Every structure is written in structure tokens, then in C-alpha cells.
N, C-alpha and C. Protein backbone atom coordinates (compact mmCIF):
# COMPACT_ATOMS: atom_id res chain seq x y z
N MET A 1 -1.59 -4.76 -11.83
CA MET A 1 -0.83 -5.98 -11.82
C MET A 1 0.47 -5.74 -11.06
N ARG A 2 0.92 -6.76 -10.39
CA ARG A 2 2.19 -6.66 -9.68
C ARG A 2 3.33 -6.57 -10.68
N ARG A 3 4.20 -5.61 -10.45
CA ARG A 3 5.33 -5.37 -11.35
C ARG A 3 6.63 -5.31 -10.55
N GLU A 4 7.72 -5.55 -11.25
CA GLU A 4 9.05 -5.41 -10.66
C GLU A 4 9.46 -3.93 -10.72
N ALA A 5 10.44 -3.56 -9.93
CA ALA A 5 10.87 -2.16 -9.86
C ALA A 5 11.31 -1.62 -11.21
N GLU A 6 11.93 -2.46 -12.03
CA GLU A 6 12.42 -2.03 -13.34
C GLU A 6 11.29 -1.55 -14.25
N PHE A 7 10.10 -2.08 -14.07
CA PHE A 7 8.95 -1.69 -14.88
C PHE A 7 8.65 -0.20 -14.72
N PHE A 8 8.89 0.33 -13.53
CA PHE A 8 8.57 1.73 -13.21
C PHE A 8 9.76 2.66 -13.41
N ASP A 9 10.78 2.20 -14.09
CA ASP A 9 12.00 2.97 -14.28
C ASP A 9 11.70 4.41 -14.70
N GLY A 10 12.12 5.36 -13.86
CA GLY A 10 11.92 6.77 -14.16
C GLY A 10 10.60 7.34 -13.68
N ASP A 11 9.66 6.50 -13.28
CA ASP A 11 8.36 6.99 -12.79
C ASP A 11 8.41 7.24 -11.30
N GLU A 12 7.70 8.26 -10.85
CA GLU A 12 7.60 8.54 -9.43
C GLU A 12 6.59 7.57 -8.82
N LEU A 13 6.99 6.88 -7.76
CA LEU A 13 6.10 5.95 -7.07
C LEU A 13 5.69 6.54 -5.73
N THR A 14 4.44 6.29 -5.34
CA THR A 14 3.89 6.80 -4.10
C THR A 14 3.44 5.63 -3.23
N LEU A 15 3.82 5.66 -1.95
CA LEU A 15 3.39 4.64 -1.00
C LEU A 15 1.90 4.81 -0.74
N VAL A 16 1.13 3.73 -0.93
CA VAL A 16 -0.32 3.81 -0.71
C VAL A 16 -0.79 2.93 0.45
N TYR A 17 0.02 1.95 0.85
CA TYR A 17 -0.47 1.05 1.90
C TYR A 17 0.67 0.25 2.49
N ILE A 18 0.57 -0.04 3.78
CA ILE A 18 1.49 -0.94 4.46
C ILE A 18 0.65 -2.08 5.04
N ALA A 19 0.78 -3.26 4.45
CA ALA A 19 0.05 -4.44 4.94
C ALA A 19 0.88 -5.08 6.05
N LYS A 20 0.23 -5.31 7.16
CA LYS A 20 0.92 -5.86 8.32
C LYS A 20 0.80 -7.37 8.41
N ARG A 21 -0.12 -7.94 7.65
CA ARG A 21 -0.32 -9.40 7.65
C ARG A 21 -0.34 -9.91 6.22
N LEU A 22 0.07 -11.14 6.05
CA LEU A 22 0.14 -11.74 4.71
C LEU A 22 -1.22 -11.78 4.04
N ASN A 23 -2.25 -12.22 4.74
CA ASN A 23 -3.58 -12.32 4.11
C ASN A 23 -4.10 -10.95 3.70
N GLU A 24 -3.78 -9.93 4.44
CA GLU A 24 -4.15 -8.56 4.10
C GLU A 24 -3.45 -8.13 2.80
N ALA A 25 -2.16 -8.44 2.69
CA ALA A 25 -1.39 -8.11 1.49
C ALA A 25 -1.94 -8.86 0.27
N LEU A 26 -2.26 -10.12 0.44
CA LEU A 26 -2.79 -10.92 -0.68
C LEU A 26 -4.13 -10.40 -1.16
N ARG A 27 -4.99 -9.98 -0.24
CA ARG A 27 -6.30 -9.42 -0.63
C ARG A 27 -6.11 -8.12 -1.40
N LEU A 28 -5.17 -7.28 -0.95
CA LEU A 28 -4.92 -6.02 -1.65
C LEU A 28 -4.33 -6.29 -3.03
N GLU A 29 -3.45 -7.25 -3.14
CA GLU A 29 -2.90 -7.61 -4.45
C GLU A 29 -4.03 -8.03 -5.40
N ASP A 30 -4.94 -8.84 -4.93
CA ASP A 30 -6.08 -9.27 -5.75
C ASP A 30 -6.92 -8.07 -6.20
N LEU A 31 -7.19 -7.16 -5.27
CA LEU A 31 -7.99 -5.98 -5.58
C LEU A 31 -7.33 -5.11 -6.65
N LEU A 32 -6.04 -4.83 -6.48
CA LEU A 32 -5.34 -3.99 -7.45
C LEU A 32 -5.22 -4.68 -8.81
N THR A 33 -5.02 -5.98 -8.81
CA THR A 33 -4.94 -6.73 -10.06
C THR A 33 -6.28 -6.72 -10.79
N GLU A 34 -7.37 -6.93 -10.04
CA GLU A 34 -8.72 -6.90 -10.63
C GLU A 34 -9.01 -5.55 -11.29
N ARG A 35 -8.48 -4.48 -10.71
CA ARG A 35 -8.73 -3.13 -11.24
C ARG A 35 -7.68 -2.71 -12.27
N ALA A 36 -6.79 -3.61 -12.65
CA ALA A 36 -5.74 -3.35 -13.65
C ALA A 36 -4.85 -2.18 -13.26
N ILE A 37 -4.50 -2.13 -11.98
CA ILE A 37 -3.61 -1.09 -11.48
C ILE A 37 -2.22 -1.70 -11.31
N ASP A 38 -1.23 -1.09 -11.96
CA ASP A 38 0.14 -1.55 -11.81
C ASP A 38 0.67 -1.09 -10.46
N TYR A 39 1.28 -2.02 -9.72
CA TYR A 39 1.81 -1.68 -8.39
C TYR A 39 3.12 -2.42 -8.16
N TYR A 40 3.86 -1.90 -7.23
CA TYR A 40 5.11 -2.52 -6.78
C TYR A 40 4.96 -2.77 -5.30
N VAL A 41 5.36 -3.95 -4.85
CA VAL A 41 5.30 -4.27 -3.42
C VAL A 41 6.65 -4.80 -2.99
N GLU A 42 7.07 -4.35 -1.80
CA GLU A 42 8.34 -4.82 -1.26
C GLU A 42 8.24 -4.92 0.26
N PRO A 43 8.97 -5.85 0.85
CA PRO A 43 8.99 -5.93 2.31
C PRO A 43 9.87 -4.81 2.87
N ASP A 44 9.44 -4.27 3.99
CA ASP A 44 10.21 -3.23 4.67
C ASP A 44 9.80 -3.25 6.13
N THR A 45 10.49 -2.49 6.95
CA THR A 45 10.20 -2.48 8.38
C THR A 45 9.38 -1.25 8.77
N TYR A 46 8.58 -1.43 9.81
CA TYR A 46 7.82 -0.34 10.41
C TYR A 46 7.79 -0.57 11.91
N SER A 47 7.49 0.47 12.67
CA SER A 47 7.39 0.35 14.13
C SER A 47 5.94 0.14 14.49
N GLY A 48 5.67 -0.80 15.39
CA GLY A 48 4.31 -1.08 15.80
C GLY A 48 4.23 -1.31 17.30
N GLY A 49 3.03 -1.24 17.81
CA GLY A 49 2.79 -1.46 19.23
C GLY A 49 2.59 -0.15 19.96
N VAL A 50 1.77 -0.19 20.99
CA VAL A 50 1.49 1.00 21.77
C VAL A 50 2.37 1.04 23.01
N ILE A 51 2.31 0.01 23.79
CA ILE A 51 3.09 -0.04 25.04
C ILE A 51 4.49 -0.55 24.77
N PHE A 52 4.58 -1.66 24.05
CA PHE A 52 5.87 -2.24 23.72
C PHE A 52 6.12 -2.05 22.23
N ARG A 53 6.88 -1.03 21.88
CA ARG A 53 7.20 -0.73 20.48
C ARG A 53 8.15 -1.78 19.94
N ARG A 54 7.84 -2.28 18.76
CA ARG A 54 8.68 -3.28 18.11
C ARG A 54 8.84 -2.91 16.64
N THR A 55 9.92 -3.39 16.08
CA THR A 55 10.12 -3.25 14.65
C THR A 55 9.59 -4.52 14.00
N ARG A 56 8.73 -4.33 13.02
CA ARG A 56 8.11 -5.46 12.34
C ARG A 56 8.30 -5.31 10.83
N VAL A 57 8.03 -6.38 10.10
CA VAL A 57 8.14 -6.36 8.64
C VAL A 57 6.74 -6.36 8.05
N GLY A 58 6.53 -5.50 7.07
CA GLY A 58 5.25 -5.43 6.38
C GLY A 58 5.46 -5.37 4.88
N ALA A 59 4.37 -5.44 4.14
CA ALA A 59 4.41 -5.33 2.69
C ALA A 59 4.03 -3.90 2.33
N PHE A 60 4.97 -3.17 1.73
CA PHE A 60 4.76 -1.78 1.36
C PHE A 60 4.33 -1.72 -0.10
N PHE A 61 3.16 -1.15 -0.36
CA PHE A 61 2.59 -1.07 -1.70
C PHE A 61 2.79 0.32 -2.28
N TYR A 62 3.30 0.36 -3.52
CA TYR A 62 3.55 1.62 -4.22
C TYR A 62 2.86 1.60 -5.57
N VAL A 63 2.38 2.77 -6.00
CA VAL A 63 1.82 2.94 -7.34
C VAL A 63 2.38 4.21 -7.95
N ARG A 64 2.21 4.35 -9.26
CA ARG A 64 2.61 5.59 -9.92
C ARG A 64 1.77 6.74 -9.38
N ALA A 65 2.38 7.91 -9.29
CA ALA A 65 1.67 9.10 -8.83
C ALA A 65 0.45 9.37 -9.72
N ALA A 66 0.57 9.07 -11.00
CA ALA A 66 -0.54 9.31 -11.94
C ALA A 66 -1.73 8.39 -11.65
N ASP A 67 -1.50 7.25 -11.01
CA ASP A 67 -2.57 6.29 -10.70
C ASP A 67 -3.11 6.43 -9.28
N LEU A 68 -2.67 7.44 -8.58
CA LEU A 68 -2.99 7.57 -7.16
C LEU A 68 -4.49 7.70 -6.88
N ASP A 69 -5.18 8.57 -7.58
CA ASP A 69 -6.62 8.76 -7.34
C ASP A 69 -7.40 7.49 -7.63
N ARG A 70 -7.08 6.84 -8.74
CA ARG A 70 -7.77 5.60 -9.11
C ARG A 70 -7.49 4.49 -8.10
N THR A 71 -6.25 4.44 -7.60
CA THR A 71 -5.87 3.44 -6.61
C THR A 71 -6.61 3.67 -5.31
N ARG A 72 -6.63 4.90 -4.86
CA ARG A 72 -7.33 5.22 -3.61
C ARG A 72 -8.82 4.91 -3.70
N ALA A 73 -9.43 5.19 -4.83
CA ALA A 73 -10.85 4.87 -5.01
C ALA A 73 -11.07 3.36 -4.96
N ALA A 74 -10.21 2.60 -5.62
CA ALA A 74 -10.32 1.14 -5.60
C ALA A 74 -10.13 0.60 -4.19
N MET A 75 -9.14 1.13 -3.49
CA MET A 75 -8.89 0.66 -2.13
C MET A 75 -10.05 1.00 -1.21
N GLN A 76 -10.60 2.18 -1.34
CA GLN A 76 -11.74 2.57 -0.51
C GLN A 76 -12.93 1.65 -0.76
N SER A 77 -13.18 1.31 -2.02
CA SER A 77 -14.29 0.41 -2.32
C SER A 77 -14.05 -0.99 -1.76
N GLY A 78 -12.78 -1.35 -1.55
CA GLY A 78 -12.45 -2.65 -0.98
C GLY A 78 -12.30 -2.63 0.53
N GLY A 79 -12.55 -1.47 1.15
CA GLY A 79 -12.49 -1.37 2.61
C GLY A 79 -11.13 -1.00 3.15
N TYR A 80 -10.23 -0.54 2.31
CA TYR A 80 -8.89 -0.14 2.73
C TYR A 80 -8.80 1.38 2.81
N ARG A 81 -7.97 1.87 3.72
CA ARG A 81 -7.64 3.29 3.77
C ARG A 81 -6.21 3.42 3.28
N SER A 82 -6.00 4.26 2.31
CA SER A 82 -4.65 4.40 1.77
C SER A 82 -3.77 5.17 2.73
N PHE A 83 -2.49 4.96 2.58
CA PHE A 83 -1.48 5.64 3.37
C PHE A 83 -1.36 7.08 2.90
N LEU A 84 -1.42 8.01 3.82
CA LEU A 84 -1.17 9.41 3.50
C LEU A 84 0.01 9.86 4.34
N PRO A 85 1.00 10.49 3.72
CA PRO A 85 2.16 10.94 4.49
C PRO A 85 1.78 11.86 5.64
N GLU A 86 2.64 11.91 6.65
CA GLU A 86 2.45 12.76 7.81
C GLU A 86 2.05 14.16 7.38
N GLY A 87 1.06 14.72 8.05
CA GLY A 87 0.62 16.07 7.71
C GLY A 87 -0.57 16.09 6.77
N GLU A 88 -0.93 14.94 6.19
CA GLU A 88 -2.09 14.90 5.30
C GLU A 88 -3.27 14.22 5.98
N GLY A 89 -3.15 13.93 7.27
CA GLY A 89 -4.26 13.40 8.04
C GLY A 89 -4.59 11.94 7.76
N GLY A 90 -3.69 11.19 7.20
CA GLY A 90 -3.99 9.82 6.84
C GLY A 90 -3.47 8.80 7.82
N LYS A 91 -3.88 7.57 7.61
CA LYS A 91 -3.45 6.45 8.43
C LYS A 91 -3.20 5.29 7.49
N THR A 92 -2.53 4.28 8.01
CA THR A 92 -2.41 3.05 7.26
C THR A 92 -3.35 2.05 7.91
N GLY A 93 -3.76 1.08 7.16
CA GLY A 93 -4.55 0.01 7.75
C GLY A 93 -5.87 -0.18 7.06
N ARG A 94 -6.51 -1.25 7.42
CA ARG A 94 -7.79 -1.60 6.86
C ARG A 94 -8.84 -0.91 7.70
N SER A 95 -9.83 -0.30 7.08
CA SER A 95 -10.86 0.41 7.83
C SER A 95 -11.77 -0.59 8.53
N SER A 96 -12.34 -0.15 9.64
CA SER A 96 -13.21 -1.04 10.41
C SER A 96 -14.61 -1.01 9.90
């Protein structure tokens, strides 16, 4: 379920996804809610584009570190690839 930052007070949160479009963010919210996974989402900026780099705003999804494996499994079943920090071989985005 979508939660406010105060709900996670003292818990370590891990970035699992950056949604670049509203409909993508809404689908992920539905998926996480259906699976009873508590998450926090906030708008933030990211750089996008290959030839012309631009700063854009996306929806950044965070979950508790303890829920990470369950979240990644849910996202994979829904066709999403979770965000993995640099050096862990991951990407952001919806899988093709």
C-alpha cells in the first residue's frame, strides 16, 4: 500500500523503480497494492535521452529493505525490472 514517509520512520528504504510515465507509475502502484507491499513514492529528477540529454521528472518507488525480494518477485511477475544500483548489473524500466 502507498504510505507517507513518516510511516517508514527509522526503516531503511531501497529504490526499486523509476517510472517515467504516469500510466506506468499507476500500474506499478496497483501491482504493489494488490500484493500488500508497503511502498513510498515521490517525484524526483533523472537524466534521459541518448543524443539530447534532458532532465526529466519521474516517480521514484521505494520499499523497505526487508521487503526487497518480495517486491522484486512481484514486479517481475508484472513485467517490471527493478532498479539495481550501479555495479549490480541492473536497469530501470519496464521489460519488453
